[in-house]
Amino acid sequence: MPEITRFFGIVIYMYYAEHNPPHLHAEYQGAKAVVDFNGNVLQGSLGSRTALRLLREWIDLHALELLDDWEFARTGQEIRKIAPLD
């Protein structure tokens, strides 16, 4: 599973040939969550409200890049790295 970015201990991944709705996989201190591009947790938990808040902030800043990566993944193209949250 390609890593898209990492910041403040949060690691973001996206699988190839994924199913809808568009989403990403996030890990934080061993906790895992599947989150859609609106910041809704679809499965799991990051175990930290602060980590989830930071993830949602990052999603808001990079929504268009995430959609591009989603299309790349669906069509088997290389997923691009996205800048971390500073």
PDB file of N, CA and C in Angstrom:
ATOM      1  N   MET A   1       0.860  -1.172   0.000  1.00  0.00           N
ATOM      2  CA  MET A   1       0.000   0.000   0.000  1.00  0.00           C
ATOM      3  C   MET A   1       0.902   1.229   0.000  1.00  0.00           C
ATOM      4  N   PRO A   2       0.811   2.050  -1.024  1.00  0.00           N
ATOM      5  CA  PRO A   2       1.680   3.217  -1.123  1.00  0.00           C
ATOM      6  C   PRO A   2       1.393   4.268  -0.046  1.00  0.00           C
ATOM      7  N   GLU A   3       2.474   4.767   0.515  1.00  0.00           N
ATOM      8  CA  GLU A   3       2.378   5.849   1.492  1.00  0.00           C
ATOM      9  C   GLU A   3       2.286   7.165   0.736  1.00  0.00           C
ATOM     10  N   ILE A   4       1.293   7.964   1.097  1.00  0.00           N
ATOM     11  CA  ILE A   4       1.103   9.262   0.454  1.00  0.00           C
ATOM     12  C   ILE A   4       1.881  10.341   1.196  1.00  0.00           C
ATOM     13  N   THR A   5       1.816  10.299   2.528  1.00  0.00           N
ATOM     14  CA  THR A   5       2.508  11.292   3.347  1.00  0.00           C
ATOM     15  C   THR A   5       2.557  10.824   4.787  1.00  0.00           C
ATOM     16  N   ARG A   6       3.318  11.555   5.585  1.00  0.00           N
ATOM     17  CA  ARG A   6       3.325  11.333   7.037  1.00  0.00           C
ATOM     18  C   ARG A   6       3.639  12.653   7.713  1.00  0.00           C
ATOM     19  N   PHE A   7       2.970  12.891   8.846  1.00  0.00           N
ATOM     20  CA  PHE A   7       3.191  14.107   9.625  1.00  0.00           C
ATOM     21  C   PHE A   7       2.706  13.873  11.049  1.00  0.00           C
ATOM     22  N   PHE A   8       3.437  14.416  12.003  1.00  0.00           N
ATOM     23  CA  PHE A   8       3.081  14.334  13.426  1.00  0.00           C
ATOM     24  C   PHE A   8       2.734  12.911  13.868  1.00  0.00           C
ATOM     25  N   GLY A   9       3.411  11.929  13.304  1.00  0.00           N
ATOM     26  CA  GLY A   9       3.173  10.532  13.666  1.00  0.00           C
ATOM     27  C   GLY A   9       2.014   9.874  12.941  1.00  0.00           C
ATOM     28  N   ILE A  10       1.324  10.608  12.090  1.00  0.00           N
ATOM     29  CA  ILE A  10       0.208  10.077  11.298  1.00  0.00           C
ATOM     30  C   ILE A  10       0.752   9.660   9.938  1.00  0.00           C
ATOM     31  N   VAL A  11       0.438   8.444   9.511  1.00  0.00           N
ATOM     32  CA  VAL A  11       0.877   7.953   8.210  1.00  0.00           C
ATOM     33  C   VAL A  11      -0.363   7.717   7.357  1.00  0.00           C
ATOM     34  N   ILE A  12      -0.343   8.232   6.132  1.00  0.00           N
ATOM     35  CA  ILE A  12      -1.488   8.150   5.221  1.00  0.00           C
ATOM     36  C   ILE A  12      -1.127   7.243   4.048  1.00  0.00           C
ATOM     37  N   TYR A  13      -2.032   6.303   3.744  1.00  0.00           N
ATOM     38  CA  TYR A  13      -1.842   5.358   2.642  1.00  0.00           C
ATOM     39  C   TYR A  13      -3.067   5.369   1.737  1.00  0.00           C
ATOM     40  N   MET A  14      -2.878   4.848   0.523  1.00  0.00           N
ATOM     41  CA  MET A  14      -4.000   4.603  -0.375  1.00  0.00           C
ATOM     42  C   MET A  14      -3.695   3.325  -1.145  1.00  0.00           C
ATOM     43  N   TYR A  15      -4.655   2.429  -1.213  1.00  0.00           N
ATOM     44  CA  TYR A  15      -4.506   1.177  -1.945  1.00  0.00           C
ATOM     45  C   TYR A  15      -4.783   1.377  -3.432  1.00  0.00           C
ATOM     46  N   TYR A  16      -4.242   0.479  -4.234  1.00  0.00           N
ATOM     47  CA  TYR A  16      -4.599   0.422  -5.650  1.00  0.00           C
ATOM     48  C   TYR A  16      -5.897  -0.372  -5.800  1.00  0.00           C
ATOM     49  N   ALA A  17      -6.630  -0.101  -6.884  1.00  0.00           N
ATOM     50  CA  ALA A  17      -7.868  -0.824  -7.212  1.00  0.00           C
ATOM     51  C   ALA A  17      -8.847  -0.831  -6.046  1.00  0.00           C
ATOM     52  N   GLU A  18      -9.031   0.317  -5.427  1.00  0.00           N
ATOM     53  CA  GLU A  18      -9.938   0.435  -4.282  1.00  0.00           C
ATOM     54  C   GLU A  18     -11.388   0.538  -4.727  1.00  0.00           C
ATOM     55  N   HIS A  19     -12.261   0.401  -3.763  1.00  0.00           N
ATOM     56  CA  HIS A  19     -13.704   0.491  -3.977  1.00  0.00           C
ATOM     57  C   HIS A  19     -14.182   1.874  -3.554  1.00  0.00           C
ATOM     58  N   ASN A  20     -15.311   2.286  -4.069  1.00  0.00           N
ATOM     59  CA  ASN A  20     -15.920   3.557  -3.658  1.00  0.00           C
ATOM     60  C   ASN A  20     -16.530   3.410  -2.279  1.00  0.00           C
ATOM     61  N   PRO A  21     -16.697   4.464  -1.533  1.00  0.00           N
ATOM     62  CA  PRO A  21     -16.389   5.852  -1.846  1.00  0.00           C
ATOM     63  C   PRO A  21     -14.896   6.118  -1.731  1.00  0.00           C
ATOM     64  N   PRO A  22     -14.425   7.197  -2.371  1.00  0.00           N
ATOM     65  CA  PRO A  22     -13.022   7.559  -2.259  1.00  0.00           C
ATOM     66  C   PRO A  22     -12.621   7.725  -0.788  1.00  0.00           C
ATOM     67  N   HIS A  23     -11.499   7.127  -0.416  1.00  0.00           N
ATOM     68  CA  HIS A  23     -11.065   7.169   0.977  1.00  0.00           C
ATOM     69  C   HIS A  23      -9.567   6.924   1.079  1.00  0.00           C
ATOM     70  N   LEU A  24      -9.054   7.114   2.272  1.00  0.00           N
ATOM     71  CA  LEU A  24      -7.647   6.855   2.561  1.00  0.00           C
ATOM     72  C   LEU A  24      -7.557   6.022   3.828  1.00  0.00           C
ATOM     73  N   HIS A  25      -6.389   5.488   4.056  1.00  0.00           N
ATOM     74  CA  HIS A  25      -6.115   4.706   5.257  1.00  0.00           C
ATOM     75  C   HIS A  25      -5.104   5.489   6.075  1.00  0.00           C
ATOM     76  N   ALA A  26      -5.365   5.648   7.359  1.00  0.00           N
ATOM     77  CA  ALA A  26      -4.470   6.394   8.236  1.00  0.00           C
ATOM     78  C   ALA A  26      -4.090   5.547   9.436  1.00  0.00           C
ATOM     79  N   GLU A  27      -2.850   5.716   9.887  1.00  0.00           N
ATOM     80  CA  GLU A  27      -2.372   5.038  11.087  1.00  0.00           C
ATOM     81  C   GLU A  27      -1.766   6.072  12.018  1.00  0.00           C
ATOM     82  N   TYR A  28      -2.012   5.873  13.315  1.00  0.00           N
ATOM     83  CA  TYR A  28      -1.424   6.736  14.327  1.00  0.00           C
ATOM     84  C   TYR A  28      -1.191   5.908  15.585  1.00  0.00           C
ATOM     85  N   GLN A  29       0.042   5.762  15.985  1.00  0.00           N
ATOM     86  CA  GLN A  29       0.438   5.012  17.179  1.00  0.00           C
ATOM     87  C   GLN A  29      -0.228   3.639  17.253  1.00  0.00           C
ATOM     88  N   GLY A  30      -0.241   2.932  16.129  1.00  0.00           N
ATOM     89  CA  GLY A  30      -0.790   1.586  16.075  1.00  0.00           C
ATOM     90  C   GLY A  30      -2.283   1.510  15.813  1.00  0.00           C
ATOM     91  N   ALA A  31      -2.991   2.634  15.922  1.00  0.00           N
ATOM     92  CA  ALA A  31      -4.426   2.674  15.631  1.00  0.00           C
ATOM     93  C   ALA A  31      -4.608   2.931  14.136  1.00  0.00           C
ATOM     94  N   LYS A  32      -5.645   2.340  13.560  1.00  0.00           N
ATOM     95  CA  LYS A  32      -5.889   2.468  12.125  1.00  0.00           C
ATOM     96  C   LYS A  32      -7.323   2.904  11.861  1.00  0.00           C
ATOM     97  N   ALA A  33      -7.473   3.735  10.822  1.00  0.00           N
ATOM     98  CA  ALA A  33      -8.805   4.202  10.442  1.00  0.00           C
ATOM     99  C   ALA A  33      -8.876   4.340   8.933  1.00  0.00           C
ATOM    100  N   VAL A  34     -10.075   4.166   8.411  1.00  0.00           N
ATOM    101  CA  VAL A  34     -10.388   4.447   7.022  1.00  0.00           C
ATOM    102  C   VAL A  34     -11.247   5.703   7.047  1.00  0.00           C
ATOM    103  N   VAL A  35     -10.822   6.714   6.287  1.00  0.00           N
ATOM    104  CA  VAL A  35     -11.467   8.028   6.340  1.00  0.00           C
ATOM    105  C   VAL A  35     -11.782   8.487   4.920  1.00  0.00           C
ATOM    106  N   ASP A  36     -13.005   8.992   4.710  1.00  0.00           N
ATOM    107  CA  ASP A  36     -13.340   9.491   3.375  1.00  0.00           C
ATOM    108  C   ASP A  36     -12.754  10.887   3.192  1.00  0.00           C
ATOM    109  N   PHE A  37     -12.912  11.445   2.013  1.00  0.00           N
ATOM    110  CA  PHE A  37     -12.291  12.720   1.700  1.00  0.00           C
ATOM    111  C   PHE A  37     -13.052  13.912   2.281  1.00  0.00           C
ATOM    112  N   ASN A  38     -14.120  13.641   3.011  1.00  0.00           N
ATOM    113  CA  ASN A  38     -14.812  14.677   3.772  1.00  0.00           C
ATOM    114  C   ASN A  38     -14.398  14.641   5.241  1.00  0.00           C
ATOM    115  N   GLY A  39     -13.510  13.700   5.590  1.00  0.00           N
ATOM    116  CA  GLY A  39     -13.043  13.587   6.971  1.00  0.00           C
ATOM    117  C   GLY A  39     -13.874  12.692   7.850  1.00  0.00           C
ATOM    118  N   ASN A  40     -14.840  11.980   7.267  1.00  0.00           N
ATOM    119  CA  ASN A  40     -15.673  11.054   8.028  1.00  0.00           C
ATOM    120  C   ASN A  40     -14.949   9.728   8.224  1.00  0.00           C
ATOM    121  N   VAL A  41     -14.947   9.233   9.442  1.00  0.00           N
ATOM    122  CA  VAL A  41     -14.330   7.938   9.730  1.00  0.00           C
ATOM    123  C   VAL A  41     -15.304   6.847   9.294  1.00  0.00           C
ATOM    124  N   LEU A  42     -14.877   6.026   8.346  1.00  0.00           N
ATOM    125  CA  LEU A  42     -15.712   4.948   7.826  1.00  0.00           C
ATOM    126  C   LEU A  42     -15.495   3.647   8.587  1.00  0.00           C
ATOM    127  N   GLN A  43     -14.290   3.499   9.136  1.00  0.00           N
ATOM    128  CA  GLN A  43     -13.949   2.253   9.837  1.00  0.00           C
ATOM    129  C   GLN A  43     -12.775   2.543  10.759  1.00  0.00           C
ATOM    130  N   GLY A  44     -12.780   1.925  11.926  1.00  0.00           N
ATOM    131  CA  GLY A  44     -11.665   2.035  12.855  1.00  0.00           C
ATOM    132  C   GLY A  44     -11.638   3.347  13.611  1.00  0.00           C
ATOM    133  N   SER A  45     -10.456   3.660  14.137  1.00  0.00           N
ATOM    134  CA  SER A  45     -10.264   4.877  14.923  1.00  0.00           C
ATOM    135  C   SER A  45      -8.779   5.194  14.964  1.00  0.00           C
ATOM    136  N   LEU A  46      -8.446   6.468  15.029  1.00  0.00           N
ATOM    137  CA  LEU A  46      -7.048   6.844  15.207  1.00  0.00           C
ATOM    138  C   LEU A  46      -6.668   6.888  16.681  1.00  0.00           C
ATOM    139  N   GLY A  47      -7.659   6.743  17.565  1.00  0.00           N
ATOM    140  CA  GLY A  47      -7.385   6.694  18.987  1.00  0.00           C
ATOM    141  C   GLY A  47      -7.052   8.041  19.607  1.00  0.00           C
ATOM    142  N   SER A  48      -7.115   9.097  18.827  1.00  0.00           N
ATOM    143  CA  SER A  48      -6.774  10.431  19.315  1.00  0.00           C
ATOM    144  C   SER A  48      -7.607  11.470  18.584  1.00  0.00           C
ATOM    145  N   ARG A  49      -8.306  12.290  19.343  1.00  0.00           N
ATOM    146  CA  ARG A  49      -9.093  13.358  18.708  1.00  0.00           C
ATOM    147  C   ARG A  49      -8.183  14.367  18.021  1.00  0.00           C
ATOM    148  N   THR A  50      -7.020  14.610  18.616  1.00  0.00           N
ATOM    149  CA  THR A  50      -6.080  15.555  18.024  1.00  0.00           C
ATOM    150  C   THR A  50      -5.564  15.033  16.684  1.00  0.00           C
ATOM    151  N   ALA A  51      -5.203  13.761  16.625  1.00  0.00           N
ATOM    152  CA  ALA A  51      -4.733  13.175  15.368  1.00  0.00           C
ATOM    153  C   ALA A  51      -5.825  13.246  14.303  1.00  0.00           C
ATOM    154  N   LEU A  52      -7.060  12.966  14.673  1.00  0.00           N
ATOM    155  CA  LEU A  52      -8.158  13.031  13.713  1.00  0.00           C
ATOM    156  C   LEU A  52      -8.379  14.468  13.247  1.00  0.00           C
ATOM    157  N   ARG A  53      -8.274  15.431  14.160  1.00  0.00           N
ATOM    158  CA  ARG A  53      -8.420  16.847  13.788  1.00  0.00           C
ATOM    159  C   ARG A  53      -7.330  17.246  12.794  1.00  0.00           C
ATOM    160  N   LEU A  54      -6.093  16.831  13.050  1.00  0.00           N
ATOM    161  CA  LEU A  54      -4.990  17.138  12.143  1.00  0.00           C
ATOM    162  C   LEU A  54      -5.189  16.471  10.782  1.00  0.00           C
ATOM    163  N   LEU A  55      -5.647  15.236  10.788  1.00  0.00           N
ATOM    164  CA  LEU A  55      -5.920  14.533   9.536  1.00  0.00           C
ATOM    165  C   LEU A  55      -6.992  15.255   8.738  1.00  0.00           C
ATOM    166  N   ARG A  56      -8.070  15.669   9.402  1.00  0.00           N
ATOM    167  CA  ARG A  56      -9.146  16.391   8.707  1.00  0.00           C
ATOM    168  C   ARG A  56      -8.651  17.719   8.138  1.00  0.00           C
ATOM    169  N   GLU A  57      -7.801  18.400   8.876  1.00  0.00           N
ATOM    170  CA  GLU A  57      -7.220  19.656   8.383  1.00  0.00           C
ATOM    171  C   GLU A  57      -6.403  19.393   7.121  1.00  0.00           C
ATOM    172  N   TRP A  58      -5.592  18.327   7.148  1.00  0.00           N
ATOM    173  CA  TRP A  58      -4.778  17.973   5.997  1.00  0.00           C
ATOM    174  C   TRP A  58      -5.668  17.615   4.799  1.00  0.00           C
ATOM    175  N   ILE A  59      -6.725  16.846   5.030  1.00  0.00           N
ATOM    176  CA  ILE A  59      -7.648  16.478   3.948  1.00  0.00           C
ATOM    177  C   ILE A  59      -8.234  17.730   3.311  1.00  0.00           C
ATOM    178  N   ASP A  60      -8.673  18.686   4.123  1.00  0.00           N
ATOM    179  CA  ASP A  60      -9.242  19.933   3.598  1.00  0.00           C
ATOM    180  C   ASP A  60      -8.250  20.678   2.712  1.00  0.00           C
ATOM    181  N   LEU A  61      -6.988  20.678   3.112  1.00  0.00           N
ATOM    182  CA  LEU A  61      -5.960  21.390   2.352  1.00  0.00           C
ATOM    183  C   LEU A  61      -5.588  20.695   1.042  1.00  0.00           C
ATOM    184  N   HIS A  62      -5.798  19.382   0.972  1.00  0.00           N
ATOM    185  CA  HIS A  62      -5.306  18.606  -0.169  1.00  0.00           C
ATOM    186  C   HIS A  62      -6.399  17.802  -0.876  1.00  0.00           C
ATOM    187  N   ALA A  63      -7.622  18.269  -0.802  1.00  0.00           N
ATOM    188  CA  ALA A  63      -8.748  17.514  -1.373  1.00  0.00           C
ATOM    189  C   ALA A  63      -8.573  17.214  -2.866  1.00  0.00           C
ATOM    190  N   LEU A  64      -8.138  18.187  -3.636  1.00  0.00           N
ATOM    191  CA  LEU A  64      -7.993  17.964  -5.080  1.00  0.00           C
ATOM    192  C   LEU A  64      -6.874  16.971  -5.381  1.00  0.00           C
ATOM    193  N   GLU A  65      -5.776  17.060  -4.651  1.00  0.00           N
ATOM    194  CA  GLU A  65      -4.680  16.114  -4.846  1.00  0.00           C
ATOM    195  C   GLU A  65      -5.095  14.697  -4.460  1.00  0.00           C
ATOM    196  N   LEU A  66      -5.913  14.582  -3.413  1.00  0.00           N
ATOM    197  CA  LEU A  66      -6.414  13.268  -3.006  1.00  0.00           C
ATOM    198  C   LEU A  66      -7.289  12.661  -4.095  1.00  0.00           C
ATOM    199  N   LEU A  67      -8.149  13.480  -4.684  1.00  0.00           N
ATOM    200  CA  LEU A  67      -8.995  12.975  -5.774  1.00  0.00           C
ATOM    201  C   LEU A  67      -8.153  12.537  -6.969  1.00  0.00           C
ATOM    202  N   ASP A  68      -7.103  13.297  -7.267  1.00  0.00           N
ATOM    203  CA  ASP A  68      -6.196  12.891  -8.346  1.00  0.00           C
ATOM    204  C   ASP A  68      -5.560  11.539  -8.018  1.00  0.00           C
ATOM    205  N   ASP A  69      -5.036  11.405  -6.796  1.00  0.00           N
ATOM    206  CA  ASP A  69      -4.422  10.135  -6.404  1.00  0.00           C
ATOM    207  C   ASP A  69      -5.422   8.996  -6.447  1.00  0.00           C
ATOM    208  N   TRP A  70      -6.669   9.264  -6.068  1.00  0.00           N
ATOM    209  CA  TRP A  70      -7.708   8.236  -6.111  1.00  0.00           C
ATOM    210  C   TRP A  70      -7.870   7.725  -7.542  1.00  0.00           C
ATOM    211  N   GLU A  71      -7.916   8.645  -8.500  1.00  0.00           N
ATOM    212  CA  GLU A  71      -8.056   8.242  -9.901  1.00  0.00           C
ATOM    213  C   GLU A  71      -6.816   7.487 -10.379  1.00  0.00           C
ATOM    214  N   PHE A  72      -5.638   7.944  -9.968  1.00  0.00           N
ATOM    215  CA  PHE A  72      -4.415   7.224 -10.326  1.00  0.00           C
ATOM    216  C   PHE A  72      -4.476   5.792  -9.795  1.00  0.00           C
ATOM    217  N   ALA A  73      -4.866   5.636  -8.545  1.00  0.00           N
ATOM    218  CA  ALA A  73      -4.932   4.310  -7.914  1.00  0.00           C
ATOM    219  C   ALA A  73      -5.948   3.414  -8.627  1.00  0.00           C
ATOM    220  N   ARG A  74      -7.119   3.967  -8.919  1.00  0.00           N
ATOM    221  CA  ARG A  74      -8.164   3.172  -9.572  1.00  0.00           C
ATOM    222  C   ARG A  74      -7.726   2.658 -10.934  1.00  0.00           C
ATOM    223  N   THR A  75      -6.892   3.437 -11.616  1.00  0.00           N
ATOM    224  CA  THR A  75      -6.485   3.068 -12.971  1.00  0.00           C
ATOM    225  C   THR A  75      -5.095   2.447 -13.019  1.00  0.00           C
ATOM    226  N   GLY A  76      -4.526   2.145 -11.855  1.00  0.00           N
ATOM    227  CA  GLY A  76      -3.246   1.451 -11.795  1.00  0.00           C
ATOM    228  C   GLY A  76      -2.027   2.321 -12.065  1.00  0.00           C
ATOM    229  N   GLN A  77      -2.213   3.636 -12.043  1.00  0.00           N
ATOM    230  CA  GLN A  77      -1.086   4.543 -12.242  1.00  0.00           C
ATOM    231  C   GLN A  77      -0.382   4.815 -10.914  1.00  0.00           C
ATOM    232  N   GLU A  78       0.794   5.378 -10.994  1.00  0.00           N
ATOM    233  CA  GLU A  78       1.557   5.673  -9.789  1.00  0.00           C
ATOM    234  C   GLU A  78       0.877   6.757  -8.959  1.00  0.00           C
ATOM    235  N   ILE A  79       0.721   6.478  -7.675  1.00  0.00           N
ATOM    236  CA  ILE A  79       0.138   7.442  -6.744  1.00  0.00           C
ATOM    237  C   ILE A  79       1.225   8.435  -6.364  1.00  0.00           C
ATOM    238  N   ARG A  80       0.887   9.703  -6.351  1.00  0.00           N
ATOM    239  CA  ARG A  80       1.856  10.752  -6.039  1.00  0.00           C
ATOM    240  C   ARG A  80       1.864  11.080  -4.550  1.00  0.00           C
ATOM    241  N   LYS A  81       3.031  11.449  -4.069  1.00  0.00           N
ATOM    242  CA  LYS A  81       3.160  11.920  -2.688  1.00  0.00           C
ATOM    243  C   LYS A  81       2.472  13.280  -2.574  1.00  0.00           C
ATOM    244  N   ILE A  82       1.946  13.565  -1.381  1.00  0.00           N
ATOM    245  CA  ILE A  82       1.296  14.840  -1.089  1.00  0.00           C
ATOM    246  C   ILE A  82       2.023  15.452   0.093  1.00  0.00           C
ATOM    247  N   ALA A  83       2.204  16.757   0.057  1.00  0.00           N
ATOM    248  CA  ALA A  83       2.930  17.469   1.112  1.00  0.00           C
ATOM    249  C   ALA A  83       2.284  17.208   2.481  1.00  0.00           C
ATOM    250  N   PRO A  84       3.102  17.056   3.501  1.00  0.00           N
ATOM    251  CA  PRO A  84       2.570  16.852   4.848  1.00  0.00           C
ATOM    252  C   PRO A  84       2.006  18.157   5.424  1.00  0.00           C
ATOM    253  N   LEU A  85       1.339  18.014   6.539  1.00  0.00           N
ATOM    254  CA  LEU A  85       0.859  19.174   7.278  1.00  0.00           C
ATOM    255  C   LEU A  85       2.046  19.770   8.017  1.00  0.00           C
ATOM    256  N   ASP A  86       2.240  21.066   7.885  1.00  0.00           N
ATOM    257  CA  ASP A  86       3.371  21.721   8.567  1.00  0.00           C
ATOM    258  C   ASP A  86       2.979  22.199   9.941  1.00  0.00           C
TER     259      ASP A  86
END
